[in-house]
């Protein structure tokens, strides 16, 4: 725990150091447009990177919850597999 407590401040210091001493790259990052990292996978969606203009719909909420639950289940199954490979017998279902 002693080392873990030092990680966030160290990362913040590193972040600040990079911002101060690598201004050329920082300026490049600020000037990069909203390029689609996976072109062609979203059809003709023109608002890539734009915030929503209203509240989420019930359908969108259900879709997001389903995706979240699928991701959590996949992570849980992966974790259980790691425990089984290690031979640890305190895996829960």
PDB file of N, CA and C in Angstrom:
ATOM      1  N   UNK A   1       0.825  -1.185   0.000  1.00  0.00           N
ATOM      2  CA  UNK A   1       0.000   0.000   0.000  1.00  0.00           C
ATOM      3  C   UNK A   1       0.871   1.252   0.000  1.00  0.00           C
ATOM      4  N   UNK A   2       2.034   1.162   0.583  1.00  0.00           N
ATOM      5  CA  UNK A   2       2.931   2.306   0.646  1.00  0.00           C
ATOM      6  C   UNK A   2       3.317   2.760  -0.757  1.00  0.00           C
ATOM      7  N   UNK A   3       3.609   1.817  -1.636  1.00  0.00           N
ATOM      8  CA  UNK A   3       3.995   2.161  -3.007  1.00  0.00           C
ATOM      9  C   UNK A   3       2.785   2.657  -3.786  1.00  0.00           C
ATOM     10  N   UNK A   4       1.636   2.011  -3.607  1.00  0.00           N
ATOM     11  CA  UNK A   4       0.431   2.414  -4.332  1.00  0.00           C
ATOM     12  C   UNK A   4       0.058   3.859  -4.037  1.00  0.00           C
ATOM     13  N   UNK A   5       0.270   4.304  -2.825  1.00  0.00           N
ATOM     14  CA  UNK A   5      -0.066   5.676  -2.454  1.00  0.00           C
ATOM     15  C   UNK A   5       0.829   6.685  -3.156  1.00  0.00           C
ATOM     16  N   UNK A   6       1.982   6.262  -3.610  1.00  0.00           N
ATOM     17  CA  UNK A   6       2.918   7.168  -4.279  1.00  0.00           C
ATOM     18  C   UNK A   6       2.706   7.242  -5.788  1.00  0.00           C
ATOM     19  N   UNK A   7       1.959   6.306  -6.349  1.00  0.00           N
ATOM     20  CA  UNK A   7       1.796   6.257  -7.802  1.00  0.00           C
ATOM     21  C   UNK A   7       1.047   7.475  -8.349  1.00  0.00           C
ATOM     22  N   UNK A   8      -0.144   7.845  -7.838  1.00  0.00           N
ATOM     23  CA  UNK A   8      -0.846   8.998  -8.421  1.00  0.00           C
ATOM     24  C   UNK A   8      -0.041  10.300  -8.403  1.00  0.00           C
ATOM     25  N   UNK A   9       0.604  10.667  -7.278  1.00  0.00           N
ATOM     26  CA  UNK A   9       1.399  11.893  -7.318  1.00  0.00           C
ATOM     27  C   UNK A   9       2.568  11.804  -8.305  1.00  0.00           C
ATOM     28  N   UNK A  10       3.164  10.620  -8.433  1.00  0.00           N
ATOM     29  CA  UNK A  10       4.261  10.457  -9.388  1.00  0.00           C
ATOM     30  C   UNK A  10       3.761  10.631 -10.813  1.00  0.00           C
ATOM     31  N   UNK A  11       2.601  10.079 -11.115  1.00  0.00           N
ATOM     32  CA  UNK A  11       2.033  10.237 -12.453  1.00  0.00           C
ATOM     33  C   UNK A  11       1.674  11.693 -12.730  1.00  0.00           C
ATOM     34  N   UNK A  12       1.146  12.379 -11.730  1.00  0.00           N
ATOM     35  CA  UNK A  12       0.824  13.797 -11.901  1.00  0.00           C
ATOM     36  C   UNK A  12       2.089  14.609 -12.162  1.00  0.00           C
ATOM     37  N   UNK A  13       3.151  14.309 -11.430  1.00  0.00           N
ATOM     38  CA  UNK A  13       4.418  15.010 -11.642  1.00  0.00           C
ATOM     39  C   UNK A  13       4.969  14.726 -13.033  1.00  0.00           C
ATOM     40  N   UNK A  14       4.897  13.484 -13.475  1.00  0.00           N
ATOM     41  CA  UNK A  14       5.357  13.124 -14.815  1.00  0.00           C
ATOM     42  C   UNK A  14       4.528  13.841 -15.875  1.00  0.00           C
ATOM     43  N   UNK A  15       3.231  13.887 -15.683  1.00  0.00           N
ATOM     44  CA  UNK A  15       2.330  14.590 -16.602  1.00  0.00           C
ATOM     45  C   UNK A  15       2.729  16.062 -16.719  1.00  0.00           C
ATOM     46  N   UNK A  16       2.932  16.709 -15.575  1.00  0.00           N
ATOM     47  CA  UNK A  16       3.321  18.118 -15.578  1.00  0.00           C
ATOM     48  C   UNK A  16       4.684  18.325 -16.225  1.00  0.00           C
ATOM     49  N   UNK A  17       5.617  17.420 -15.981  1.00  0.00           N
ATOM     50  CA  UNK A  17       6.941  17.509 -16.588  1.00  0.00           C
ATOM     51  C   UNK A  17       6.839  17.437 -18.108  1.00  0.00           C
ATOM     52  N   UNK A  18       6.048  16.494 -18.597  1.00  0.00           N
ATOM     53  CA  UNK A  18       5.890  16.341 -20.047  1.00  0.00           C
ATOM     54  C   UNK A  18       5.255  17.591 -20.640  1.00  0.00           C
ATOM     55  N   UNK A  19       4.228  18.123 -19.988  1.00  0.00           N
ATOM     56  CA  UNK A  19       3.580  19.328 -20.504  1.00  0.00           C
ATOM     57  C   UNK A  19       4.543  20.511 -20.546  1.00  0.00           C
ATOM     58  N   UNK A  20       5.388  20.614 -19.555  1.00  0.00           N
ATOM     59  CA  UNK A  20       6.301  21.747 -19.492  1.00  0.00           C
ATOM     60  C   UNK A  20       7.449  21.620 -20.487  1.00  0.00           C
ATOM     61  N   UNK A  21       7.993  20.426 -20.662  1.00  0.00           N
ATOM     62  CA  UNK A  21       9.206  20.258 -21.453  1.00  0.00           C
ATOM     63  C   UNK A  21       8.981  19.692 -22.847  1.00  0.00           C
ATOM     64  N   UNK A  22       7.756  19.403 -23.218  1.00  0.00           N
ATOM     65  CA  UNK A  22       7.486  18.870 -24.550  1.00  0.00           C
ATOM     66  C   UNK A  22       6.343  19.658 -25.182  1.00  0.00           C
ATOM     67  N   UNK A  23       6.491  20.974 -25.215  1.00  0.00           N
ATOM     68  CA  UNK A  23       5.416  21.836 -25.696  1.00  0.00           C
ATOM     69  C   UNK A  23       5.124  21.642 -27.178  1.00  0.00           C
ATOM     70  N   UNK A  24       6.117  21.245 -27.961  1.00  0.00           N
ATOM     71  CA  UNK A  24       5.887  21.057 -29.388  1.00  0.00           C
ATOM     72  C   UNK A  24       4.863  19.951 -29.609  1.00  0.00           C
ATOM     73  N   UNK A  25       5.058  18.828 -28.941  1.00  0.00           N
ATOM     74  CA  UNK A  25       4.110  17.727 -29.093  1.00  0.00           C
ATOM     75  C   UNK A  25       2.745  18.120 -28.547  1.00  0.00           C
ATOM     76  N   UNK A  26       2.695  18.847 -27.446  1.00  0.00           N
ATOM     77  CA  UNK A  26       1.428  19.263 -26.867  1.00  0.00           C
ATOM     78  C   UNK A  26       0.662  20.141 -27.847  1.00  0.00           C
ATOM     79  N   UNK A  27       1.362  21.056 -28.507  1.00  0.00           N
ATOM     80  CA  UNK A  27       0.700  21.906 -29.496  1.00  0.00           C
ATOM     81  C   UNK A  27       0.146  21.068 -30.635  1.00  0.00           C
ATOM     82  N   UNK A  28       0.875  20.039 -31.034  1.00  0.00           N
ATOM     83  CA  UNK A  28       0.399  19.152 -32.098  1.00  0.00           C
ATOM     84  C   UNK A  28      -0.878  18.435 -31.659  1.00  0.00           C
ATOM     85  N   UNK A  29      -0.910  17.984 -30.434  1.00  0.00           N
ATOM     86  CA  UNK A  29      -2.087  17.279 -29.926  1.00  0.00           C
ATOM     87  C   UNK A  29      -3.293  18.207 -29.906  1.00  0.00           C
ATOM     88  N   UNK A  30      -3.102  19.449 -29.497  1.00  0.00           N
ATOM     89  CA  UNK A  30      -4.206  20.396 -29.443  1.00  0.00           C
ATOM     90  C   UNK A  30      -4.745  20.727 -30.829  1.00  0.00           C
ATOM     91  N   UNK A  31      -3.903  20.647 -31.849  1.00  0.00           N
ATOM     92  CA  UNK A  31      -4.313  21.014 -33.199  1.00  0.00           C
ATOM     93  C   UNK A  31      -4.854  19.853 -34.009  1.00  0.00           C
ATOM     94  N   UNK A  32      -4.854  18.674 -33.456  1.00  0.00           N
ATOM     95  CA  UNK A  32      -5.363  17.519 -34.184  1.00  0.00           C
ATOM     96  C   UNK A  32      -6.879  17.611 -34.244  1.00  0.00           C
ATOM     97  N   UNK A  33      -7.435  17.384 -35.421  1.00  0.00           N
ATOM     98  CA  UNK A  33      -8.881  17.421 -35.584  1.00  0.00           C
ATOM     99  C   UNK A  33      -9.531  16.185 -35.007  1.00  0.00           C
ATOM    100  N   UNK A  34     -10.814  16.108 -35.160  1.00  0.00           N
ATOM    101  CA  UNK A  34     -11.551  14.950 -34.667  1.00  0.00           C
ATOM    102  C   UNK A  34     -11.561  13.869 -35.728  1.00  0.00           C
ATOM    103  N   UNK A  35     -10.422  13.260 -35.937  1.00  0.00           N
ATOM    104  CA  UNK A  35     -10.331  12.183 -36.912  1.00  0.00           C
ATOM    105  C   UNK A  35     -10.996  10.939 -36.347  1.00  0.00           C
ATOM    106  N   UNK A  36     -11.727  10.267 -37.198  1.00  0.00           N
ATOM    107  CA  UNK A  36     -12.388   9.028 -36.798  1.00  0.00           C
ATOM    108  C   UNK A  36     -11.330   7.933 -36.730  1.00  0.00           C
ATOM    109  N   UNK A  37     -11.087   7.341 -35.549  1.00  0.00           N
ATOM    110  CA  UNK A  37     -10.046   6.320 -35.427  1.00  0.00           C
ATOM    111  C   UNK A  37     -10.381   5.024 -36.161  1.00  0.00           C
ATOM    112  N   UNK A  38     -11.655   4.818 -36.448  1.00  0.00           N
ATOM    113  CA  UNK A  38     -12.072   3.616 -37.184  1.00  0.00           C
ATOM    114  C   UNK A  38     -13.012   4.029 -38.310  1.00  0.00           C
ATOM    115  N   UNK A  39     -12.476   4.613 -39.363  1.00  0.00           N
ATOM    116  CA  UNK A  39     -13.336   5.117 -40.437  1.00  0.00           C
ATOM    117  C   UNK A  39     -14.115   3.998 -41.107  1.00  0.00           C
ATOM    118  N   UNK A  40     -15.341   4.332 -41.461  1.00  0.00           N
ATOM    119  CA  UNK A  40     -16.181   3.382 -42.172  1.00  0.00           C
ATOM    120  C   UNK A  40     -16.967   2.443 -41.291  1.00  0.00           C
ATOM    121  N   UNK A  41     -16.744   2.465 -39.985  1.00  0.00           N
ATOM    122  CA  UNK A  41     -17.458   1.528 -39.118  1.00  0.00           C
ATOM    123  C   UNK A  41     -18.739   2.117 -38.557  1.00  0.00           C
ATOM    124  N   UNK A  42     -18.959   3.394 -38.750  1.00  0.00           N
ATOM    125  CA  UNK A  42     -20.150   4.042 -38.196  1.00  0.00           C
ATOM    126  C   UNK A  42     -21.108   4.531 -39.276  1.00  0.00           C
ATOM    127  N   UNK A  43     -20.923   4.107 -40.489  1.00  0.00           N
ATOM    128  CA  UNK A  43     -21.784   4.574 -41.563  1.00  0.00           C
ATOM    129  C   UNK A  43     -21.545   6.042 -41.830  1.00  0.00           C
ATOM    130  N   UNK A  44     -22.603   6.781 -41.972  1.00  0.00           N
ATOM    131  CA  UNK A  44     -22.494   8.212 -42.273  1.00  0.00           C
ATOM    132  C   UNK A  44     -22.752   9.074 -41.049  1.00  0.00           C
ATOM    133  N   UNK A  45     -22.390   8.603 -39.907  1.00  0.00           N
ATOM    134  CA  UNK A  45     -22.598   9.358 -38.675  1.00  0.00           C
ATOM    135  C   UNK A  45     -21.733  10.610 -38.728  1.00  0.00           C
ATOM    136  N   UNK A  46     -22.365  11.768 -38.796  1.00  0.00           N
ATOM    137  CA  UNK A  46     -21.634  13.014 -38.987  1.00  0.00           C
ATOM    138  C   UNK A  46     -21.240  13.686 -37.682  1.00  0.00           C
ATOM    139  N   UNK A  47     -21.739  13.237 -36.557  1.00  0.00           N
ATOM    140  CA  UNK A  47     -21.475  13.929 -35.297  1.00  0.00           C
ATOM    141  C   UNK A  47     -20.461  13.204 -34.422  1.00  0.00           C
ATOM    142  N   UNK A  48     -19.462  12.591 -35.042  1.00  0.00           N
ATOM    143  CA  UNK A  48     -18.430  11.890 -34.281  1.00  0.00           C
ATOM    144  C   UNK A  48     -17.733  12.869 -33.347  1.00  0.00           C
ATOM    145  N   UNK A  49     -17.710  12.549 -32.071  1.00  0.00           N
ATOM    146  CA  UNK A  49     -17.039  13.385 -31.089  1.00  0.00           C
ATOM    147  C   UNK A  49     -17.881  14.518 -30.553  1.00  0.00           C
ATOM    148  N   UNK A  50     -19.121  14.636 -30.985  1.00  0.00           N
ATOM    149  CA  UNK A  50     -19.990  15.713 -30.536  1.00  0.00           C
ATOM    150  C   UNK A  50     -20.818  15.215 -29.355  1.00  0.00           C
ATOM    151  N   UNK A  51     -21.002  16.063 -28.369  1.00  0.00           N
ATOM    152  CA  UNK A  51     -21.796  15.686 -27.207  1.00  0.00           C
ATOM    153  C   UNK A  51     -23.266  15.585 -27.581  1.00  0.00           C
ATOM    154  N   UNK A  52     -24.007  14.801 -26.839  1.00  0.00           N
ATOM    155  CA  UNK A  52     -25.438  14.641 -27.082  1.00  0.00           C
ATOM    156  C   UNK A  52     -26.160  15.956 -26.815  1.00  0.00           C
ATOM    157  N   UNK A  53     -27.299  16.103 -27.441  1.00  0.00           N
ATOM    158  CA  UNK A  53     -28.066  17.337 -27.285  1.00  0.00           C
ATOM    159  C   UNK A  53     -29.246  17.178 -26.329  1.00  0.00           C
ATOM    160  N   UNK A  54     -29.351  16.046 -25.698  1.00  0.00           N
ATOM    161  CA  UNK A  54     -30.469  15.840 -24.787  1.00  0.00           C
ATOM    162  C   UNK A  54     -30.242  14.623 -23.918  1.00  0.00           C
ATOM    163  N   UNK A  55     -31.271  14.292 -23.169  1.00  0.00           N
ATOM    164  CA  UNK A  55     -31.185  13.131 -22.286  1.00  0.00           C
ATOM    165  C   UNK A  55     -31.174  11.846 -23.113  1.00  0.00           C
ATOM    166  N   UNK A  56     -30.625  10.802 -22.533  1.00  0.00           N
ATOM    167  CA  UNK A  56     -30.607   9.518 -23.232  1.00  0.00           C
ATOM    168  C   UNK A  56     -32.010   8.930 -23.253  1.00  0.00           C
ATOM    169  N   UNK A  57     -32.282   8.186 -24.296  1.00  0.00           N
ATOM    170  CA  UNK A  57     -33.585   7.534 -24.403  1.00  0.00           C
ATOM    171  C   UNK A  57     -33.568   6.242 -23.598  1.00  0.00           C
ATOM    172  N   UNK A  58     -34.753   5.707 -23.339  1.00  0.00           N
ATOM    173  CA  UNK A  58     -34.846   4.439 -22.608  1.00  0.00           C
ATOM    174  C   UNK A  58     -34.158   3.323 -23.389  1.00  0.00           C
ATOM    175  N   UNK A  59     -34.303   3.345 -24.710  1.00  0.00           N
ATOM    176  CA  UNK A  59     -33.672   2.326 -25.551  1.00  0.00           C
ATOM    177  C   UNK A  59     -32.148   2.421 -25.458  1.00  0.00           C
ATOM    178  N   UNK A  60     -31.627   3.640 -25.510  1.00  0.00           N
ATOM    179  CA  UNK A  60     -30.179   3.818 -25.414  1.00  0.00           C
ATOM    180  C   UNK A  60     -29.670   3.396 -24.040  1.00  0.00           C
ATOM    181  N   UNK A  61     -30.443   3.696 -23.004  1.00  0.00           N
ATOM    182  CA  UNK A  61     -30.058   3.302 -21.646  1.00  0.00           C
ATOM    183  C   UNK A  61     -30.008   1.781 -21.522  1.00  0.00           C
ATOM    184  N   UNK A  62     -31.034   1.090 -22.063  1.00  0.00           N
ATOM    185  CA  UNK A  62     -31.048  -0.377 -22.014  1.00  0.00           C
ATOM    186  C   UNK A  62     -29.863  -0.958 -22.781  1.00  0.00           C
ATOM    187  N   UNK A  63     -29.569  -0.379 -23.942  1.00  0.00           N
ATOM    188  CA  UNK A  63     -28.448  -0.861 -24.743  1.00  0.00           C
ATOM    189  C   UNK A  63     -27.133  -0.684 -23.988  1.00  0.00           C
ATOM    190  N   UNK A  64     -26.968   0.463 -23.346  1.00  0.00           N
ATOM    191  CA  UNK A  64     -25.748   0.720 -22.575  1.00  0.00           C
ATOM    192  C   UNK A  64     -25.635  -0.219 -21.382  1.00  0.00           C
ATOM    193  N   UNK A  65     -26.752  -0.445 -20.703  1.00  0.00           N
ATOM    194  CA  UNK A  65     -26.735  -1.358 -19.556  1.00  0.00           C
ATOM    195  C   UNK A  65     -26.401  -2.778 -19.991  1.00  0.00           C
ATOM    196  N   UNK A  66     -26.946  -3.201 -21.127  1.00  0.00           N
ATOM    197  CA  UNK A  66     -26.648  -4.534 -21.648  1.00  0.00           C
ATOM    198  C   UNK A  66     -25.163  -4.654 -21.975  1.00  0.00           C
ATOM    199  N   UNK A  67     -24.611  -3.635 -22.631  1.00  0.00           N
ATOM    200  CA  UNK A  67     -23.185  -3.645 -22.977  1.00  0.00           C
ATOM    201  C   UNK A  67     -22.335  -3.692 -21.709  1.00  0.00           C
ATOM    202  N   UNK A  68     -22.705  -2.891 -20.710  1.00  0.00           N
ATOM    203  CA  UNK A  68     -21.977  -2.888 -19.435  1.00  0.00           C
ATOM    204  C   UNK A  68     -22.009  -4.263 -18.788  1.00  0.00           C
ATOM    205  N   UNK A  69     -23.191  -4.872 -18.760  1.00  0.00           N
ATOM    206  CA  UNK A  69     -23.330  -6.192 -18.144  1.00  0.00           C
ATOM    207  C   UNK A  69     -22.541  -7.255 -18.899  1.00  0.00           C
ATOM    208  N   UNK A  70     -22.522  -7.160 -20.228  1.00  0.00           N
ATOM    209  CA  UNK A  70     -21.747  -8.111 -21.028  1.00  0.00           C
ATOM    210  C   UNK A  70     -20.255  -7.967 -20.745  1.00  0.00           C
ATOM    211  N   UNK A  71     -19.797  -6.720 -20.642  1.00  0.00           N
ATOM    212  CA  UNK A  71     -18.383  -6.487 -20.343  1.00  0.00           C
ATOM    213  C   UNK A  71     -18.030  -7.011 -18.956  1.00  0.00           C
ATOM    214  N   UNK A  72     -18.901  -6.758 -17.978  1.00  0.00           N
ATOM    215  CA  UNK A  72     -18.650  -7.228 -16.614  1.00  0.00           C
ATOM    216  C   UNK A  72     -18.622  -8.753 -16.567  1.00  0.00           C
ATOM    217  N   UNK A  73     -19.531  -9.389 -17.282  1.00  0.00           N
ATOM    218  CA  UNK A  73     -19.570 -10.851 -17.309  1.00  0.00           C
ATOM    219  C   UNK A  73     -18.302 -11.413 -17.941  1.00  0.00           C
ATOM    220  N   UNK A  74     -17.866 -10.798 -19.048  1.00  0.00           N
ATOM    221  CA  UNK A  74     -16.644 -11.262 -19.714  1.00  0.00           C
ATOM    222  C   UNK A  74     -15.433 -11.099 -18.796  1.00  0.00           C
ATOM    223  N   UNK A  75     -15.376  -9.979 -18.065  1.00  0.00           N
ATOM    224  CA  UNK A  75     -14.269  -9.766 -17.130  1.00  0.00           C
ATOM    225  C   UNK A  75     -14.308 -10.800 -16.009  1.00  0.00           C
ATOM    226  N   UNK A  76     -15.511 -11.088 -15.500  1.00  0.00           N
ATOM    227  CA  UNK A  76     -15.658 -12.066 -14.421  1.00  0.00           C
ATOM    228  C   UNK A  76     -15.217 -13.447 -14.884  1.00  0.00           C
ATOM    229  N   UNK A  77     -15.650 -13.840 -16.082  1.00  0.00           N
ATOM    230  CA  UNK A  77     -15.277 -15.151 -16.606  1.00  0.00           C
ATOM    231  C   UNK A  77     -13.772 -15.244 -16.830  1.00  0.00           C
ATOM    232  N   UNK A  78     -13.175 -14.164 -17.305  1.00  0.00           N
ATOM    233  CA  UNK A  78     -11.724 -14.141 -17.493  1.00  0.00           C
ATOM    234  C   UNK A  78     -11.006 -14.280 -16.152  1.00  0.00           C
ATOM    235  N   UNK A  79     -11.514 -13.585 -15.141  1.00  0.00           N
ATOM    236  CA  UNK A  79     -10.929 -13.663 -13.806  1.00  0.00           C
ATOM    237  C   UNK A  79     -11.043 -15.075 -13.242  1.00  0.00           C
ATOM    238  N   UNK A  80     -12.200 -15.698 -13.427  1.00  0.00           N
ATOM    239  CA  UNK A  80     -12.389 -17.062 -12.945  1.00  0.00           C
ATOM    240  C   UNK A  80     -11.429 -18.021 -13.645  1.00  0.00           C
ATOM    241  N   UNK A  81     -11.192 -17.780 -14.933  1.00  0.00           N
ATOM    242  CA  UNK A  81     -10.257 -18.620 -15.686  1.00  0.00           C
ATOM    243  C   UNK A  81      -8.839 -18.468 -15.140  1.00  0.00           C
ATOM    244  N   UNK A  82      -8.449 -17.251 -14.822  1.00  0.00           N
ATOM    245  CA  UNK A  82      -7.124 -17.013 -14.247  1.00  0.00           C
ATOM    246  C   UNK A  82      -6.995 -17.736 -12.911  1.00  0.00           C
ATOM    247  N   UNK A  83      -8.026 -17.645 -12.080  1.00  0.00           N
ATOM    248  CA  UNK A  83      -7.988 -18.339 -10.789  1.00  0.00           C
ATOM    249  C   UNK A  83      -7.862 -19.843 -10.977  1.00  0.00           C
ATOM    250  N   UNK A  84      -8.603 -20.384 -11.945  1.00  0.00           N
ATOM    251  CA  UNK A  84      -8.547 -21.827 -12.205  1.00  0.00           C
ATOM    252  C   UNK A  84      -7.164 -22.228 -12.691  1.00  0.00           C
ATOM    253  N   UNK A  85      -6.555 -21.410 -13.546  1.00  0.00           N
ATOM    254  CA  UNK A  85      -5.212 -21.709 -14.051  1.00  0.00           C
ATOM    255  C   UNK A  85      -4.180 -21.682 -12.936  1.00  0.00           C
ATOM    256  N   UNK A  86      -4.398 -20.824 -11.956  1.00  0.00           N
ATOM    257  CA  UNK A  86      -3.483 -20.733 -10.818  1.00  0.00           C
ATOM    258  C   UNK A  86      -3.743 -21.827  -9.792  1.00  0.00           C
ATOM    259  N   UNK A  87      -4.858 -22.506  -9.948  1.00  0.00           N
ATOM    260  CA  UNK A  87      -5.204 -23.552  -8.995  1.00  0.00           C
ATOM    261  C   UNK A  87      -5.785 -23.021  -7.707  1.00  0.00           C
ATOM    262  N   UNK A  88      -6.272 -21.807  -7.733  1.00  0.00           N
ATOM    263  CA  UNK A  88      -6.879 -21.230  -6.540  1.00  0.00           C
ATOM    264  C   UNK A  88      -8.326 -21.677  -6.481  1.00  0.00           C
ATOM    265  N   UNK A  89      -8.750 -22.140  -5.325  1.00  0.00           N
ATOM    266  CA  UNK A  89     -10.072 -22.747  -5.217  1.00  0.00           C
ATOM    267  C   UNK A  89     -11.095 -21.864  -4.522  1.00  0.00           C
ATOM    268  N   UNK A  90     -10.878 -20.573  -4.472  1.00  0.00           N
ATOM    269  CA  UNK A  90     -11.885 -19.718  -3.849  1.00  0.00           C
ATOM    270  C   UNK A  90     -12.656 -18.918  -4.888  1.00  0.00           C
ATOM    271  N   UNK A  91     -12.774 -19.483  -6.083  1.00  0.00           N
ATOM    272  CA  UNK A  91     -13.551 -18.839  -7.136  1.00  0.00           C
ATOM    273  C   UNK A  91     -15.033 -18.932  -6.808  1.00  0.00           C
ATOM    274  N   UNK A  92     -15.742 -17.854  -7.066  1.00  0.00           N
ATOM    275  CA  UNK A  92     -17.182 -17.797  -6.821  1.00  0.00           C
ATOM    276  C   UNK A  92     -17.920 -17.824  -8.140  1.00  0.00           C
ATOM    277  N   UNK A  93     -19.119 -18.284  -8.099  1.00  0.00           N
ATOM    278  CA  UNK A  93     -19.962 -18.292  -9.307  1.00  0.00           C
ATOM    279  C   UNK A  93     -20.986 -17.210  -9.226  1.00  0.00           C
TER     280      UNK A  93
END
